[in-house]
Amino acid sequence: MARTSPAHQNPPGTGALGLAVFIASLGTLFAGSLAAFWIIRGRAEMWSEGLPALPHGLWPATGVLVMLSISAQRALRELRAEERSSAIRMLRVVLLLAVVFLALQGLNWQSLISEQLPPTSGALYAFTFYLLTGLHALHV
């Protein structure tokens, strides 16, 4: 494997700083989204009365995310132990679980759409559901 010449290497800590900024920006995005959700919900005269319940598929999607997180941590542990083949296998599991999560979210969206609650319905309840699940799917 070719190595980068010393003149082209990033300074120490550049990758860690970039990762920290990325995670902080994602955290800020989700914190802001959740804060907006609670403010809008608190001020809404009517929230979900007369509207369909949240799709039951949200719980399985959450379970898949937990498994994905565990698998990603295991892949990291394998990389640190220099167990390359095991790390690659775990990263494939992570990719598979990410695809399963996106498929489940698609089914959740389809469930609400089939209940006559599409993203364009104008209901704040639906808007926040599609916004939060869409943001989550985009970053996964």
C-alpha atoms as a PDB file:
ATOM      1  CA  MET A   1       0.000   0.000   0.000  1.00  0.00           C
ATOM      2  CA  ALA A   2       1.399   3.412  -0.945  1.00  0.00           C
ATOM      3  CA  ARG A   3       2.093   5.788   1.886  1.00  0.00           C
ATOM      4  CA  THR A   4       1.525   9.532   1.795  1.00  0.00           C
ATOM      5  CA  SER A   5       4.689  11.554   1.817  1.00  0.00           C
ATOM      6  CA  PRO A   6       5.291  13.539   5.020  1.00  0.00           C
ATOM      7  CA  ALA A   7       4.801  16.808   3.110  1.00  0.00           C
ATOM      8  CA  HIS A   8       1.196  15.831   2.302  1.00  0.00           C
ATOM      9  CA  GLN A   9       0.069  14.599   5.702  1.00  0.00           C
ATOM     10  CA  ASN A  10      -2.484  16.483   7.736  1.00  0.00           C
ATOM     11  CA  PRO A  11      -1.284  17.995  10.999  1.00  0.00           C
ATOM     12  CA  PRO A  12      -1.888  15.833  14.080  1.00  0.00           C
ATOM     13  CA  GLY A  13      -5.416  16.138  15.389  1.00  0.00           C
ATOM     14  CA  THR A  14      -6.964  17.410  12.139  1.00  0.00           C
ATOM     15  CA  GLY A  15      -9.161  14.331  11.705  1.00  0.00           C
ATOM     16  CA  ALA A  16     -10.241  14.356  15.348  1.00  0.00           C
ATOM     17  CA  LEU A  17     -11.112  18.056  15.145  1.00  0.00           C
ATOM     18  CA  GLY A  18     -13.079  17.530  11.930  1.00  0.00           C
ATOM     19  CA  LEU A  19     -15.004  14.651  13.485  1.00  0.00           C
ATOM     20  CA  ALA A  20     -15.732  16.701  16.624  1.00  0.00           C
ATOM     21  CA  VAL A  21     -17.049  19.613  14.532  1.00  0.00           C
ATOM     22  CA  PHE A  22     -19.183  17.224  12.466  1.00  0.00           C
ATOM     23  CA  ILE A  23     -20.682  15.552  15.543  1.00  0.00           C
ATOM     24  CA  ALA A  24     -21.269  18.929  17.211  1.00  0.00           C
ATOM     25  CA  SER A  25     -23.074  20.197  14.106  1.00  0.00           C
ATOM     26  CA  LEU A  26     -25.275  17.083  13.992  1.00  0.00           C
ATOM     27  CA  GLY A  27     -25.995  17.433  17.701  1.00  0.00           C
ATOM     28  CA  THR A  28     -26.941  21.076  17.215  1.00  0.00           C
ATOM     29  CA  LEU A  29     -29.185  20.192  14.272  1.00  0.00           C
ATOM     30  CA  PHE A  30     -31.056  17.546  16.252  1.00  0.00           C
ATOM     31  CA  ALA A  31     -31.226  19.594  19.459  1.00  0.00           C
ATOM     32  CA  GLY A  32     -32.680  22.500  17.491  1.00  0.00           C
ATOM     33  CA  SER A  33     -35.141  20.206  15.723  1.00  0.00           C
ATOM     34  CA  LEU A  34     -36.323  18.674  18.992  1.00  0.00           C
ATOM     35  CA  ALA A  35     -36.588  22.090  20.658  1.00  0.00           C
ATOM     36  CA  ALA A  36     -38.682  23.337  17.739  1.00  0.00           C
ATOM     37  CA  PHE A  37     -40.846  20.216  17.998  1.00  0.00           C
ATOM     38  CA  TRP A  38     -41.570  20.769  21.698  1.00  0.00           C
ATOM     39  CA  ILE A  39     -42.251  24.496  21.205  1.00  0.00           C
ATOM     40  CA  ILE A  40     -44.612  23.873  18.291  1.00  0.00           C
ATOM     41  CA  ARG A  41     -46.347  21.029  20.108  1.00  0.00           C
ATOM     42  CA  GLY A  42     -46.724  23.087  23.279  1.00  0.00           C
ATOM     43  CA  ARG A  43     -48.293  25.997  21.413  1.00  0.00           C
ATOM     44  CA  ALA A  44     -50.553  23.966  19.141  1.00  0.00           C
ATOM     45  CA  GLU A  45     -54.212  24.138  20.100  1.00  0.00           C
ATOM     46  CA  MET A  46     -54.771  20.749  18.547  1.00  0.00           C
ATOM     47  CA  TRP A  47     -51.915  18.302  18.057  1.00  0.00           C
ATOM     48  CA  SER A  48     -52.932  14.829  16.929  1.00  0.00           C
ATOM     49  CA  GLU A  49     -56.601  14.683  17.860  1.00  0.00           C
ATOM     50  CA  GLY A  50     -58.491  12.903  15.116  1.00  0.00           C
ATOM     51  CA  LEU A  51     -55.284  11.978  13.297  1.00  0.00           C
ATOM     52  CA  PRO A  52     -53.776   8.499  12.989  1.00  0.00           C
ATOM     53  CA  ALA A  53     -51.351   7.306  15.641  1.00  0.00           C
ATOM     54  CA  LEU A  54     -47.653   7.171  14.901  1.00  0.00           C
ATOM     55  CA  PRO A  55     -46.741   4.102  12.840  1.00  0.00           C
ATOM     56  CA  HIS A  56     -45.994   0.959  14.833  1.00  0.00           C
ATOM     57  CA  GLY A  57     -42.848   0.493  12.740  1.00  0.00           C
ATOM     58  CA  LEU A  58     -41.045   3.206  14.707  1.00  0.00           C
ATOM     59  CA  TRP A  59     -40.153   0.752  17.474  1.00  0.00           C
ATOM     60  CA  PRO A  60     -38.538  -1.799  15.140  1.00  0.00           C
ATOM     61  CA  ALA A  61     -36.652   1.062  13.439  1.00  0.00           C
ATOM     62  CA  THR A  62     -35.378   2.162  16.850  1.00  0.00           C
ATOM     63  CA  GLY A  63     -34.263  -1.403  17.583  1.00  0.00           C
ATOM     64  CA  VAL A  64     -32.384  -1.515  14.275  1.00  0.00           C
ATOM     65  CA  LEU A  65     -30.615   1.736  15.213  1.00  0.00           C
ATOM     66  CA  VAL A  66     -29.544   0.270  18.542  1.00  0.00           C
ATOM     67  CA  MET A  67     -28.173  -2.816  16.763  1.00  0.00           C
ATOM     68  CA  LEU A  68     -26.463  -0.556  14.222  1.00  0.00           C
ATOM     69  CA  SER A  69     -24.777   1.425  16.989  1.00  0.00           C
ATOM     70  CA  ILE A  70     -23.573  -1.739  18.731  1.00  0.00           C
ATOM     71  CA  SER A  71     -22.251  -3.108  15.434  1.00  0.00           C
ATOM     72  CA  ALA A  72     -20.434   0.142  14.652  1.00  0.00           C
ATOM     73  CA  GLN A  73     -18.784   0.098  18.074  1.00  0.00           C
ATOM     74  CA  ARG A  74     -17.727  -3.497  17.548  1.00  0.00           C
ATOM     75  CA  ALA A  75     -16.271  -2.614  14.128  1.00  0.00           C
ATOM     76  CA  LEU A  76     -14.298   0.193  15.752  1.00  0.00           C
ATOM     77  CA  ARG A  77     -13.027  -2.174  18.440  1.00  0.00           C
ATOM     78  CA  GLU A  78     -11.955  -4.657  15.756  1.00  0.00           C
ATOM     79  CA  LEU A  79     -10.149  -1.922  13.825  1.00  0.00           C
ATOM     80  CA  ARG A  80      -8.272  -0.839  16.926  1.00  0.00           C
ATOM     81  CA  ALA A  81      -7.286  -4.462  17.545  1.00  0.00           C
ATOM     82  CA  GLU A  82      -6.073  -4.593  13.934  1.00  0.00           C
ATOM     83  CA  GLU A  83      -8.553  -7.357  13.115  1.00  0.00           C
ATOM     84  CA  ARG A  84      -9.189  -6.068   9.600  1.00  0.00           C
ATOM     85  CA  SER A  85     -11.337  -8.934   8.257  1.00  0.00           C
ATOM     86  CA  SER A  86     -13.580  -8.895  11.322  1.00  0.00           C
ATOM     87  CA  ALA A  87     -13.882  -5.092  11.124  1.00  0.00           C
ATOM     88  CA  ILE A  88     -14.877  -5.280   7.457  1.00  0.00           C
ATOM     89  CA  ARG A  89     -17.486  -7.924   8.286  1.00  0.00           C
ATOM     90  CA  MET A  90     -18.932  -5.686  11.027  1.00  0.00           C
ATOM     91  CA  LEU A  91     -18.947  -2.673   8.703  1.00  0.00           C
ATOM     92  CA  ARG A  92     -20.981  -4.735   6.237  1.00  0.00           C
ATOM     93  CA  VAL A  93     -23.438  -5.455   9.047  1.00  0.00           C
ATOM     94  CA  VAL A  94     -23.576  -1.710   9.788  1.00  0.00           C
ATOM     95  CA  LEU A  95     -24.313  -0.960   6.124  1.00  0.00           C
ATOM     96  CA  LEU A  96     -27.009  -3.635   6.000  1.00  0.00           C
ATOM     97  CA  LEU A  97     -28.648  -2.298   9.173  1.00  0.00           C
ATOM     98  CA  ALA A  98     -28.560   1.254   7.772  1.00  0.00           C
ATOM     99  CA  VAL A  99     -30.384   0.042   4.651  1.00  0.00           C
ATOM    100  CA  VAL A 100     -32.920  -1.824   6.820  1.00  0.00           C
ATOM    101  CA  PHE A 101     -33.459   1.342   8.884  1.00  0.00           C
ATOM    102  CA  LEU A 102     -34.085   3.420   5.757  1.00  0.00           C
ATOM    103  CA  ALA A 103     -36.501   0.784   4.437  1.00  0.00           C
ATOM    104  CA  LEU A 104     -38.396   0.770   7.752  1.00  0.00           C
ATOM    105  CA  GLN A 105     -38.604   4.560   7.705  1.00  0.00           C
ATOM    106  CA  GLY A 106     -39.963   4.373   4.162  1.00  0.00           C
ATOM    107  CA  LEU A 107     -42.626   1.937   5.375  1.00  0.00           C
ATOM    108  CA  ASN A 108     -43.428   4.259   8.284  1.00  0.00           C
ATOM    109  CA  TRP A 109     -43.873   7.157   5.888  1.00  0.00           C
ATOM    110  CA  GLN A 110     -46.031   5.000   3.610  1.00  0.00           C
ATOM    111  CA  SER A 111     -48.152   4.036   6.613  1.00  0.00           C
ATOM    112  CA  LEU A 112     -48.999   7.665   7.389  1.00  0.00           C
ATOM    113  CA  ILE A 113     -49.495   8.516   3.720  1.00  0.00           C
ATOM    114  CA  SER A 114     -51.952   5.609   3.368  1.00  0.00           C
ATOM    115  CA  GLU A 115     -53.809   7.041   6.382  1.00  0.00           C
ATOM    116  CA  GLN A 116     -54.347  10.202   4.310  1.00  0.00           C
ATOM    117  CA  LEU A 117     -51.656  12.140   6.162  1.00  0.00           C
ATOM    118  CA  PRO A 118     -49.030  12.984   3.510  1.00  0.00           C
ATOM    119  CA  PRO A 119     -46.177  15.457   4.134  1.00  0.00           C
ATOM    120  CA  THR A 120     -48.221  18.133   2.345  1.00  0.00           C
ATOM    121  CA  SER A 121     -51.285  17.710   4.588  1.00  0.00           C
ATOM    122  CA  GLY A 122     -50.572  20.896   6.530  1.00  0.00           C
ATOM    123  CA  ALA A 123     -50.931  19.175   9.906  1.00  0.00           C
ATOM    124  CA  LEU A 124     -48.156  20.164  12.332  1.00  0.00           C
ATOM    125  CA  TYR A 125     -48.214  16.633  13.700  1.00  0.00           C
ATOM    126  CA  ALA A 126     -47.407  15.209  10.264  1.00  0.00           C
ATOM    127  CA  PHE A 127     -44.902  17.947   9.454  1.00  0.00           C
ATOM    128  CA  THR A 128     -42.819  17.309  12.561  1.00  0.00           C
ATOM    129  CA  PHE A 129     -42.965  13.529  12.044  1.00  0.00           C
ATOM    130  CA  TYR A 130     -41.709  13.795   8.472  1.00  0.00           C
ATOM    131  CA  LEU A 131     -39.116  16.432   9.385  1.00  0.00           C
ATOM    132  CA  LEU A 132     -37.585  14.535  12.307  1.00  0.00           C
ATOM    133  CA  THR A 133     -37.620  11.123  10.627  1.00  0.00           C
ATOM    134  CA  GLY A 134     -36.331  12.631   7.380  1.00  0.00           C
ATOM    135  CA  LEU A 135     -33.440  14.370   9.133  1.00  0.00           C
ATOM    136  CA  HIS A 136     -32.632  11.168  10.945  1.00  0.00           C
ATOM    137  CA  ALA A 137     -32.698   9.113   7.752  1.00  0.00           C
ATOM    138  CA  LEU A 138     -30.473  11.647   5.963  1.00  0.00           C
ATOM    139  CA  HIS A 139     -27.736  11.512   8.543  1.00  0.00           C
ATOM    140  CA  VAL A 140     -27.764   7.718   8.827  1.00  0.00           C
END
